[in-house]
Amino acid sequence: MFEITRQFFFDAAHYMPHMQEGHTYRQVHGHSFRVQVSLRGVPSPGTGWVMDFAALDAILDEVRGELDHRLLNEISGLATPTLENICLWLRQRLADQLPGLARITVARDSIGQSCTLTCAPEN
């Protein structure tokens, strides 16, 4: 069993509507995000790959385009865009296209924060 990982980056704004008035996080603010997506599987006998990285890149580029330079709160399913909810949104968005989805990590490296969602084998 192998695990392959690809990462991408995006910049976006968000706010936390559940925070009390005057709290810093309630205001619109932005971050640079790093996303790592890992797939687990057995390499294909024909190619020797778990998945072609070019095919994986095409899928992840589409998702990145949905997030990059956006207000995350306006994206369906991300009304409260915590790291945890971004991970869940990504799993929902990617699971059907990526058999073997094993793990999703969303990080804000500049402030030393990350969240990892371990996906069940059946996603």
N, C-alpha and C. Protein backbone atom coordinates (compact mmCIF):
# COMPACT_ATOMS: atom_id res chain seq x y z
N MET A 1 0.86 -1.18 0.00
CA MET A 1 0.00 0.00 0.00
C MET A 1 0.90 1.24 0.00
N PHE A 2 0.59 2.18 -0.88
CA PHE A 2 1.34 3.42 -0.99
C PHE A 2 0.43 4.59 -0.70
N GLU A 3 1.05 5.72 -0.37
CA GLU A 3 0.30 6.96 -0.19
C GLU A 3 1.04 8.05 -0.95
N ILE A 4 0.33 8.73 -1.83
CA ILE A 4 0.90 9.85 -2.56
C ILE A 4 0.24 11.13 -2.08
N THR A 5 0.98 12.22 -2.13
CA THR A 5 0.47 13.51 -1.63
C THR A 5 0.80 14.61 -2.62
N ARG A 6 -0.17 15.47 -2.82
CA ARG A 6 0.01 16.66 -3.65
C ARG A 6 -0.48 17.84 -2.84
N GLN A 7 0.17 18.97 -2.99
CA GLN A 7 -0.29 20.15 -2.27
C GLN A 7 -0.54 21.30 -3.24
N PHE A 8 -1.40 22.20 -2.79
CA PHE A 8 -1.64 23.43 -3.54
C PHE A 8 -1.87 24.55 -2.54
N PHE A 9 -1.82 25.76 -3.04
CA PHE A 9 -1.93 26.95 -2.20
C PHE A 9 -3.05 27.83 -2.73
N PHE A 10 -3.67 28.56 -1.82
CA PHE A 10 -4.63 29.56 -2.23
C PHE A 10 -4.68 30.67 -1.18
N ASP A 11 -5.09 31.84 -1.62
CA ASP A 11 -5.26 32.99 -0.73
C ASP A 11 -6.74 33.33 -0.71
N ALA A 12 -7.27 33.57 0.49
CA ALA A 12 -8.69 33.86 0.60
C ALA A 12 -8.97 34.64 1.88
N ALA A 13 -10.13 35.26 1.89
CA ALA A 13 -10.60 35.98 3.08
C ALA A 13 -11.73 35.19 3.71
N HIS A 14 -11.95 35.46 4.99
CA HIS A 14 -13.08 34.87 5.69
C HIS A 14 -13.33 35.64 6.97
N TYR A 15 -14.41 35.31 7.62
CA TYR A 15 -14.72 35.85 8.95
C TYR A 15 -15.49 34.78 9.69
N MET A 16 -15.51 34.90 11.00
CA MET A 16 -16.20 33.92 11.84
C MET A 16 -17.47 34.54 12.40
N PRO A 17 -18.61 34.26 11.77
CA PRO A 17 -19.86 34.93 12.16
C PRO A 17 -20.34 34.57 13.57
N HIS A 18 -19.84 33.48 14.14
CA HIS A 18 -20.29 33.05 15.46
C HIS A 18 -19.55 33.78 16.59
N MET A 19 -18.51 34.53 16.26
CA MET A 19 -17.75 35.23 17.29
C MET A 19 -18.51 36.48 17.73
N GLN A 20 -18.25 36.91 18.95
CA GLN A 20 -18.95 38.07 19.49
C GLN A 20 -18.52 39.35 18.78
N GLU A 21 -19.40 40.33 18.77
CA GLU A 21 -19.09 41.63 18.17
C GLU A 21 -17.79 42.16 18.76
N GLY A 22 -16.96 42.73 17.92
CA GLY A 22 -15.70 43.30 18.37
C GLY A 22 -14.53 42.32 18.36
N HIS A 23 -14.81 41.01 18.28
CA HIS A 23 -13.72 40.02 18.24
C HIS A 23 -13.01 40.12 16.91
N THR A 24 -11.69 40.03 16.92
CA THR A 24 -10.87 40.15 15.72
C THR A 24 -11.31 39.20 14.62
N TYR A 25 -11.66 37.96 14.96
CA TYR A 25 -12.02 36.97 13.95
C TYR A 25 -13.38 37.22 13.32
N ARG A 26 -14.18 38.06 13.95
CA ARG A 26 -15.49 38.37 13.36
C ARG A 26 -15.34 39.30 12.16
N GLN A 27 -14.24 40.03 12.11
CA GLN A 27 -13.97 40.94 11.00
C GLN A 27 -13.41 40.15 9.81
N VAL A 28 -13.66 40.65 8.63
CA VAL A 28 -13.10 40.03 7.43
C VAL A 28 -11.58 40.16 7.49
N HIS A 29 -10.91 39.03 7.28
CA HIS A 29 -9.44 39.01 7.26
C HIS A 29 -9.01 37.89 6.33
N GLY A 30 -7.76 37.88 5.93
CA GLY A 30 -7.32 36.91 4.95
C GLY A 30 -6.13 36.09 5.40
N HIS A 31 -5.92 34.99 4.70
CA HIS A 31 -4.82 34.08 4.96
C HIS A 31 -4.31 33.51 3.65
N SER A 32 -3.08 33.02 3.69
CA SER A 32 -2.56 32.15 2.65
C SER A 32 -2.72 30.74 3.19
N PHE A 33 -3.38 29.89 2.43
CA PHE A 33 -3.66 28.52 2.85
C PHE A 33 -2.81 27.54 2.05
N ARG A 34 -2.42 26.46 2.70
CA ARG A 34 -1.74 25.35 2.04
C ARG A 34 -2.61 24.12 2.25
N VAL A 35 -2.90 23.41 1.18
CA VAL A 35 -3.72 22.21 1.25
C VAL A 35 -2.89 21.03 0.76
N GLN A 36 -2.89 19.94 1.53
CA GLN A 36 -2.27 18.70 1.11
C GLN A 36 -3.36 17.64 1.01
N VAL A 37 -3.37 16.95 -0.12
CA VAL A 37 -4.33 15.89 -0.36
C VAL A 37 -3.54 14.61 -0.58
N SER A 38 -3.85 13.58 0.21
CA SER A 38 -3.14 12.30 0.12
C SER A 38 -4.10 11.21 -0.32
N LEU A 39 -3.60 10.37 -1.23
CA LEU A 39 -4.35 9.22 -1.73
C LEU A 39 -3.60 7.96 -1.36
N ARG A 40 -4.34 6.93 -0.97
CA ARG A 40 -3.75 5.65 -0.62
C ARG A 40 -4.22 4.61 -1.63
N GLY A 41 -3.28 3.78 -2.06
CA GLY A 41 -3.67 2.73 -3.00
C GLY A 41 -2.50 1.88 -3.43
N VAL A 42 -2.83 0.92 -4.25
CA VAL A 42 -1.84 0.02 -4.83
C VAL A 42 -1.55 0.53 -6.24
N PRO A 43 -0.30 0.63 -6.62
CA PRO A 43 0.01 1.10 -7.97
C PRO A 43 -0.58 0.19 -9.04
N SER A 44 -1.04 0.81 -10.10
CA SER A 44 -1.55 0.08 -11.25
C SER A 44 -0.42 -0.71 -11.89
N PRO A 45 -0.66 -1.98 -12.23
CA PRO A 45 0.40 -2.76 -12.86
C PRO A 45 0.87 -2.15 -14.19
N GLY A 46 -0.04 -1.49 -14.90
CA GLY A 46 0.32 -0.92 -16.20
C GLY A 46 1.19 0.32 -16.11
N THR A 47 0.91 1.17 -15.11
CA THR A 47 1.63 2.45 -15.02
C THR A 47 2.63 2.49 -13.88
N GLY A 48 2.38 1.70 -12.84
CA GLY A 48 3.22 1.78 -11.65
C GLY A 48 2.83 2.92 -10.73
N TRP A 49 1.70 3.59 -11.03
CA TRP A 49 1.25 4.74 -10.24
C TRP A 49 0.01 4.41 -9.43
N VAL A 50 -0.09 5.04 -8.26
CA VAL A 50 -1.35 5.04 -7.52
C VAL A 50 -2.35 5.89 -8.32
N MET A 51 -1.88 7.05 -8.80
CA MET A 51 -2.66 7.92 -9.68
C MET A 51 -1.68 8.80 -10.44
N ASP A 52 -1.99 9.10 -11.66
CA ASP A 52 -1.20 10.01 -12.47
C ASP A 52 -1.25 11.40 -11.82
N PHE A 53 -0.09 11.96 -11.48
CA PHE A 53 -0.07 13.27 -10.85
C PHE A 53 -0.68 14.35 -11.75
N ALA A 54 -0.56 14.20 -13.06
CA ALA A 54 -1.16 15.19 -13.96
C ALA A 54 -2.69 15.18 -13.84
N ALA A 55 -3.28 14.01 -13.72
CA ALA A 55 -4.73 13.90 -13.54
C ALA A 55 -5.14 14.46 -12.18
N LEU A 56 -4.34 14.17 -11.16
CA LEU A 56 -4.61 14.71 -9.82
C LEU A 56 -4.51 16.23 -9.84
N ASP A 57 -3.48 16.75 -10.50
CA ASP A 57 -3.32 18.21 -10.60
C ASP A 57 -4.53 18.87 -11.24
N ALA A 58 -5.08 18.26 -12.28
CA ALA A 58 -6.24 18.85 -12.97
C ALA A 58 -7.43 18.96 -12.02
N ILE A 59 -7.65 17.93 -11.23
CA ILE A 59 -8.76 17.94 -10.27
C ILE A 59 -8.51 19.00 -9.20
N LEU A 60 -7.30 19.05 -8.67
CA LEU A 60 -7.00 20.00 -7.60
C LEU A 60 -6.97 21.44 -8.11
N ASP A 61 -6.56 21.64 -9.35
CA ASP A 61 -6.57 23.00 -9.93
C ASP A 61 -8.00 23.54 -10.00
N GLU A 62 -8.94 22.68 -10.32
CA GLU A 62 -10.34 23.10 -10.39
C GLU A 62 -10.83 23.54 -9.00
N VAL A 63 -10.52 22.75 -7.99
CA VAL A 63 -10.94 23.07 -6.63
C VAL A 63 -10.25 24.35 -6.15
N ARG A 64 -8.96 24.45 -6.44
CA ARG A 64 -8.22 25.66 -6.06
C ARG A 64 -8.88 26.89 -6.65
N GLY A 65 -9.32 26.81 -7.89
CA GLY A 65 -9.98 27.92 -8.55
C GLY A 65 -11.27 28.34 -7.86
N GLU A 66 -11.93 27.40 -7.20
CA GLU A 66 -13.16 27.71 -6.48
C GLU A 66 -12.89 28.45 -5.17
N LEU A 67 -11.66 28.33 -4.65
CA LEU A 67 -11.31 28.91 -3.35
C LEU A 67 -10.45 30.16 -3.44
N ASP A 68 -9.59 30.22 -4.43
CA ASP A 68 -8.57 31.27 -4.49
C ASP A 68 -9.16 32.65 -4.70
N HIS A 69 -8.70 33.59 -3.87
CA HIS A 69 -9.12 34.99 -3.92
C HIS A 69 -10.63 35.15 -3.82
N ARG A 70 -11.19 34.40 -2.91
CA ARG A 70 -12.64 34.45 -2.65
C ARG A 70 -12.88 34.78 -1.19
N LEU A 71 -14.09 35.19 -0.88
CA LEU A 71 -14.56 35.27 0.49
C LEU A 71 -15.17 33.91 0.78
N LEU A 72 -14.49 33.11 1.59
CA LEU A 72 -14.88 31.72 1.80
C LEU A 72 -16.31 31.58 2.31
N ASN A 73 -16.75 32.52 3.13
CA ASN A 73 -18.10 32.47 3.70
C ASN A 73 -19.19 32.46 2.62
N GLU A 74 -18.87 32.94 1.43
CA GLU A 74 -19.85 33.00 0.34
C GLU A 74 -19.92 31.72 -0.48
N ILE A 75 -19.04 30.76 -0.20
CA ILE A 75 -19.03 29.49 -0.92
C ILE A 75 -20.00 28.55 -0.24
N SER A 76 -20.88 27.95 -1.00
CA SER A 76 -21.87 27.02 -0.45
C SER A 76 -21.17 25.94 0.38
N GLY A 77 -21.60 25.79 1.63
CA GLY A 77 -21.02 24.81 2.53
C GLY A 77 -19.91 25.37 3.41
N LEU A 78 -19.53 26.63 3.21
CA LEU A 78 -18.45 27.22 4.01
C LEU A 78 -18.90 28.50 4.73
N ALA A 79 -20.14 28.53 5.18
CA ALA A 79 -20.63 29.71 5.88
C ALA A 79 -19.79 30.01 7.12
N THR A 80 -19.26 28.97 7.75
CA THR A 80 -18.34 29.12 8.88
C THR A 80 -17.04 28.42 8.48
N PRO A 81 -16.13 29.16 7.84
CA PRO A 81 -14.95 28.54 7.23
C PRO A 81 -13.78 28.33 8.19
N THR A 82 -13.99 27.47 9.17
CA THR A 82 -12.89 27.07 10.05
C THR A 82 -11.99 26.11 9.27
N LEU A 83 -10.81 25.85 9.77
CA LEU A 83 -9.94 24.86 9.13
C LEU A 83 -10.66 23.52 9.04
N GLU A 84 -11.36 23.15 10.10
CA GLU A 84 -12.09 21.89 10.12
C GLU A 84 -13.15 21.84 9.02
N ASN A 85 -13.90 22.92 8.88
CA ASN A 85 -14.96 22.94 7.86
C ASN A 85 -14.39 23.00 6.44
N ILE A 86 -13.25 23.63 6.27
CA ILE A 86 -12.61 23.62 4.94
C ILE A 86 -12.18 22.20 4.59
N CYS A 87 -11.63 21.46 5.57
CA CYS A 87 -11.28 20.05 5.33
C CYS A 87 -12.51 19.25 4.93
N LEU A 88 -13.61 19.41 5.65
CA LEU A 88 -14.83 18.68 5.34
C LEU A 88 -15.37 19.05 3.96
N TRP A 89 -15.32 20.33 3.61
CA TRP A 89 -15.78 20.80 2.31
C TRP A 89 -14.93 20.16 1.20
N LEU A 90 -13.62 20.14 1.41
CA LEU A 90 -12.73 19.53 0.42
C LEU A 90 -13.01 18.04 0.25
N ARG A 91 -13.24 17.34 1.36
CA ARG A 91 -13.57 15.92 1.25
C ARG A 91 -14.84 15.72 0.43
N GLN A 92 -15.85 16.50 0.74
CA GLN A 92 -17.11 16.37 0.00
C GLN A 92 -16.90 16.67 -1.48
N ARG A 93 -16.08 17.66 -1.76
CA ARG A 93 -15.84 18.08 -3.15
C ARG A 93 -14.98 17.07 -3.92
N LEU A 94 -14.07 16.37 -3.21
CA LEU A 94 -13.08 15.52 -3.88
C LEU A 94 -13.36 14.02 -3.83
N ALA A 95 -14.12 13.56 -2.87
CA ALA A 95 -14.25 12.11 -2.61
C ALA A 95 -14.68 11.32 -3.84
N ASP A 96 -15.65 11.81 -4.59
CA ASP A 96 -16.14 11.06 -5.75
C ASP A 96 -15.10 10.97 -6.87
N GLN A 97 -14.23 11.95 -6.95
CA GLN A 97 -13.23 11.99 -8.03
C GLN A 97 -11.93 11.30 -7.65
N LEU A 98 -11.71 11.09 -6.36
CA LEU A 98 -10.43 10.57 -5.91
C LEU A 98 -10.62 9.32 -5.04
N PRO A 99 -10.80 8.18 -5.67
CA PRO A 99 -10.85 6.94 -4.89
C PRO A 99 -9.53 6.79 -4.13
N GLY A 100 -9.62 6.35 -2.92
CA GLY A 100 -8.42 6.22 -2.11
C GLY A 100 -8.06 7.48 -1.35
N LEU A 101 -8.95 8.48 -1.35
CA LEU A 101 -8.68 9.70 -0.58
C LEU A 101 -8.43 9.32 0.87
N ALA A 102 -7.25 9.62 1.36
CA ALA A 102 -6.84 9.16 2.69
C ALA A 102 -6.76 10.28 3.71
N ARG A 103 -6.32 11.46 3.26
CA ARG A 103 -6.06 12.52 4.23
C ARG A 103 -6.10 13.87 3.53
N ILE A 104 -6.63 14.85 4.25
CA ILE A 104 -6.63 16.24 3.77
C ILE A 104 -6.11 17.10 4.91
N THR A 105 -5.11 17.91 4.62
CA THR A 105 -4.58 18.86 5.60
C THR A 105 -4.74 20.26 5.04
N VAL A 106 -5.27 21.16 5.85
CA VAL A 106 -5.37 22.57 5.50
C VAL A 106 -4.55 23.32 6.54
N ALA A 107 -3.62 24.16 6.06
CA ALA A 107 -2.72 24.87 6.97
C ALA A 107 -2.67 26.35 6.65
N ARG A 108 -2.45 27.12 7.70
CA ARG A 108 -2.11 28.54 7.59
C ARG A 108 -0.71 28.65 8.19
N ASP A 109 0.28 28.40 7.34
CA ASP A 109 1.66 28.30 7.80
C ASP A 109 2.17 29.56 8.46
N SER A 110 1.73 30.72 7.99
CA SER A 110 2.26 31.98 8.52
C SER A 110 1.91 32.18 9.99
N ILE A 111 0.86 31.49 10.46
CA ILE A 111 0.50 31.60 11.88
C ILE A 111 0.59 30.26 12.60
N GLY A 112 1.19 29.26 11.93
CA GLY A 112 1.48 27.99 12.57
C GLY A 112 0.27 27.15 12.92
N GLN A 113 -0.77 27.20 12.09
CA GLN A 113 -1.99 26.43 12.36
C GLN A 113 -2.27 25.46 11.23
N SER A 114 -2.77 24.28 11.58
CA SER A 114 -3.21 23.32 10.56
C SER A 114 -4.25 22.39 11.16
N CYS A 115 -4.97 21.73 10.27
CA CYS A 115 -5.96 20.75 10.64
C CYS A 115 -5.89 19.63 9.63
N THR A 116 -5.93 18.38 10.11
CA THR A 116 -5.89 17.23 9.23
C THR A 116 -7.14 16.39 9.45
N LEU A 117 -7.77 16.04 8.35
CA LEU A 117 -8.92 15.14 8.35
C LEU A 117 -8.46 13.82 7.77
N THR A 118 -8.56 12.76 8.56
CA THR A 118 -8.27 11.42 8.06
C THR A 118 -9.55 10.85 7.52
N CYS A 119 -9.53 10.47 6.25
CA CYS A 119 -10.73 9.99 5.59
C CYS A 119 -10.83 8.48 5.72
N ALA A 120 -12.03 8.02 5.90
CA ALA A 120 -12.28 6.57 5.97
C ALA A 120 -11.96 5.95 4.61
N PRO A 121 -11.62 4.67 4.59
CA PRO A 121 -11.28 4.04 3.31
C PRO A 121 -12.37 4.19 2.24
N GLU A 122 -13.63 4.21 2.66
CA GLU A 122 -14.71 4.40 1.69
C GLU A 122 -15.03 5.88 1.47
N ASN A 123 -14.20 6.78 2.07
CA ASN A 123 -14.34 8.24 1.98
C ASN A 123 -15.57 8.69 2.73
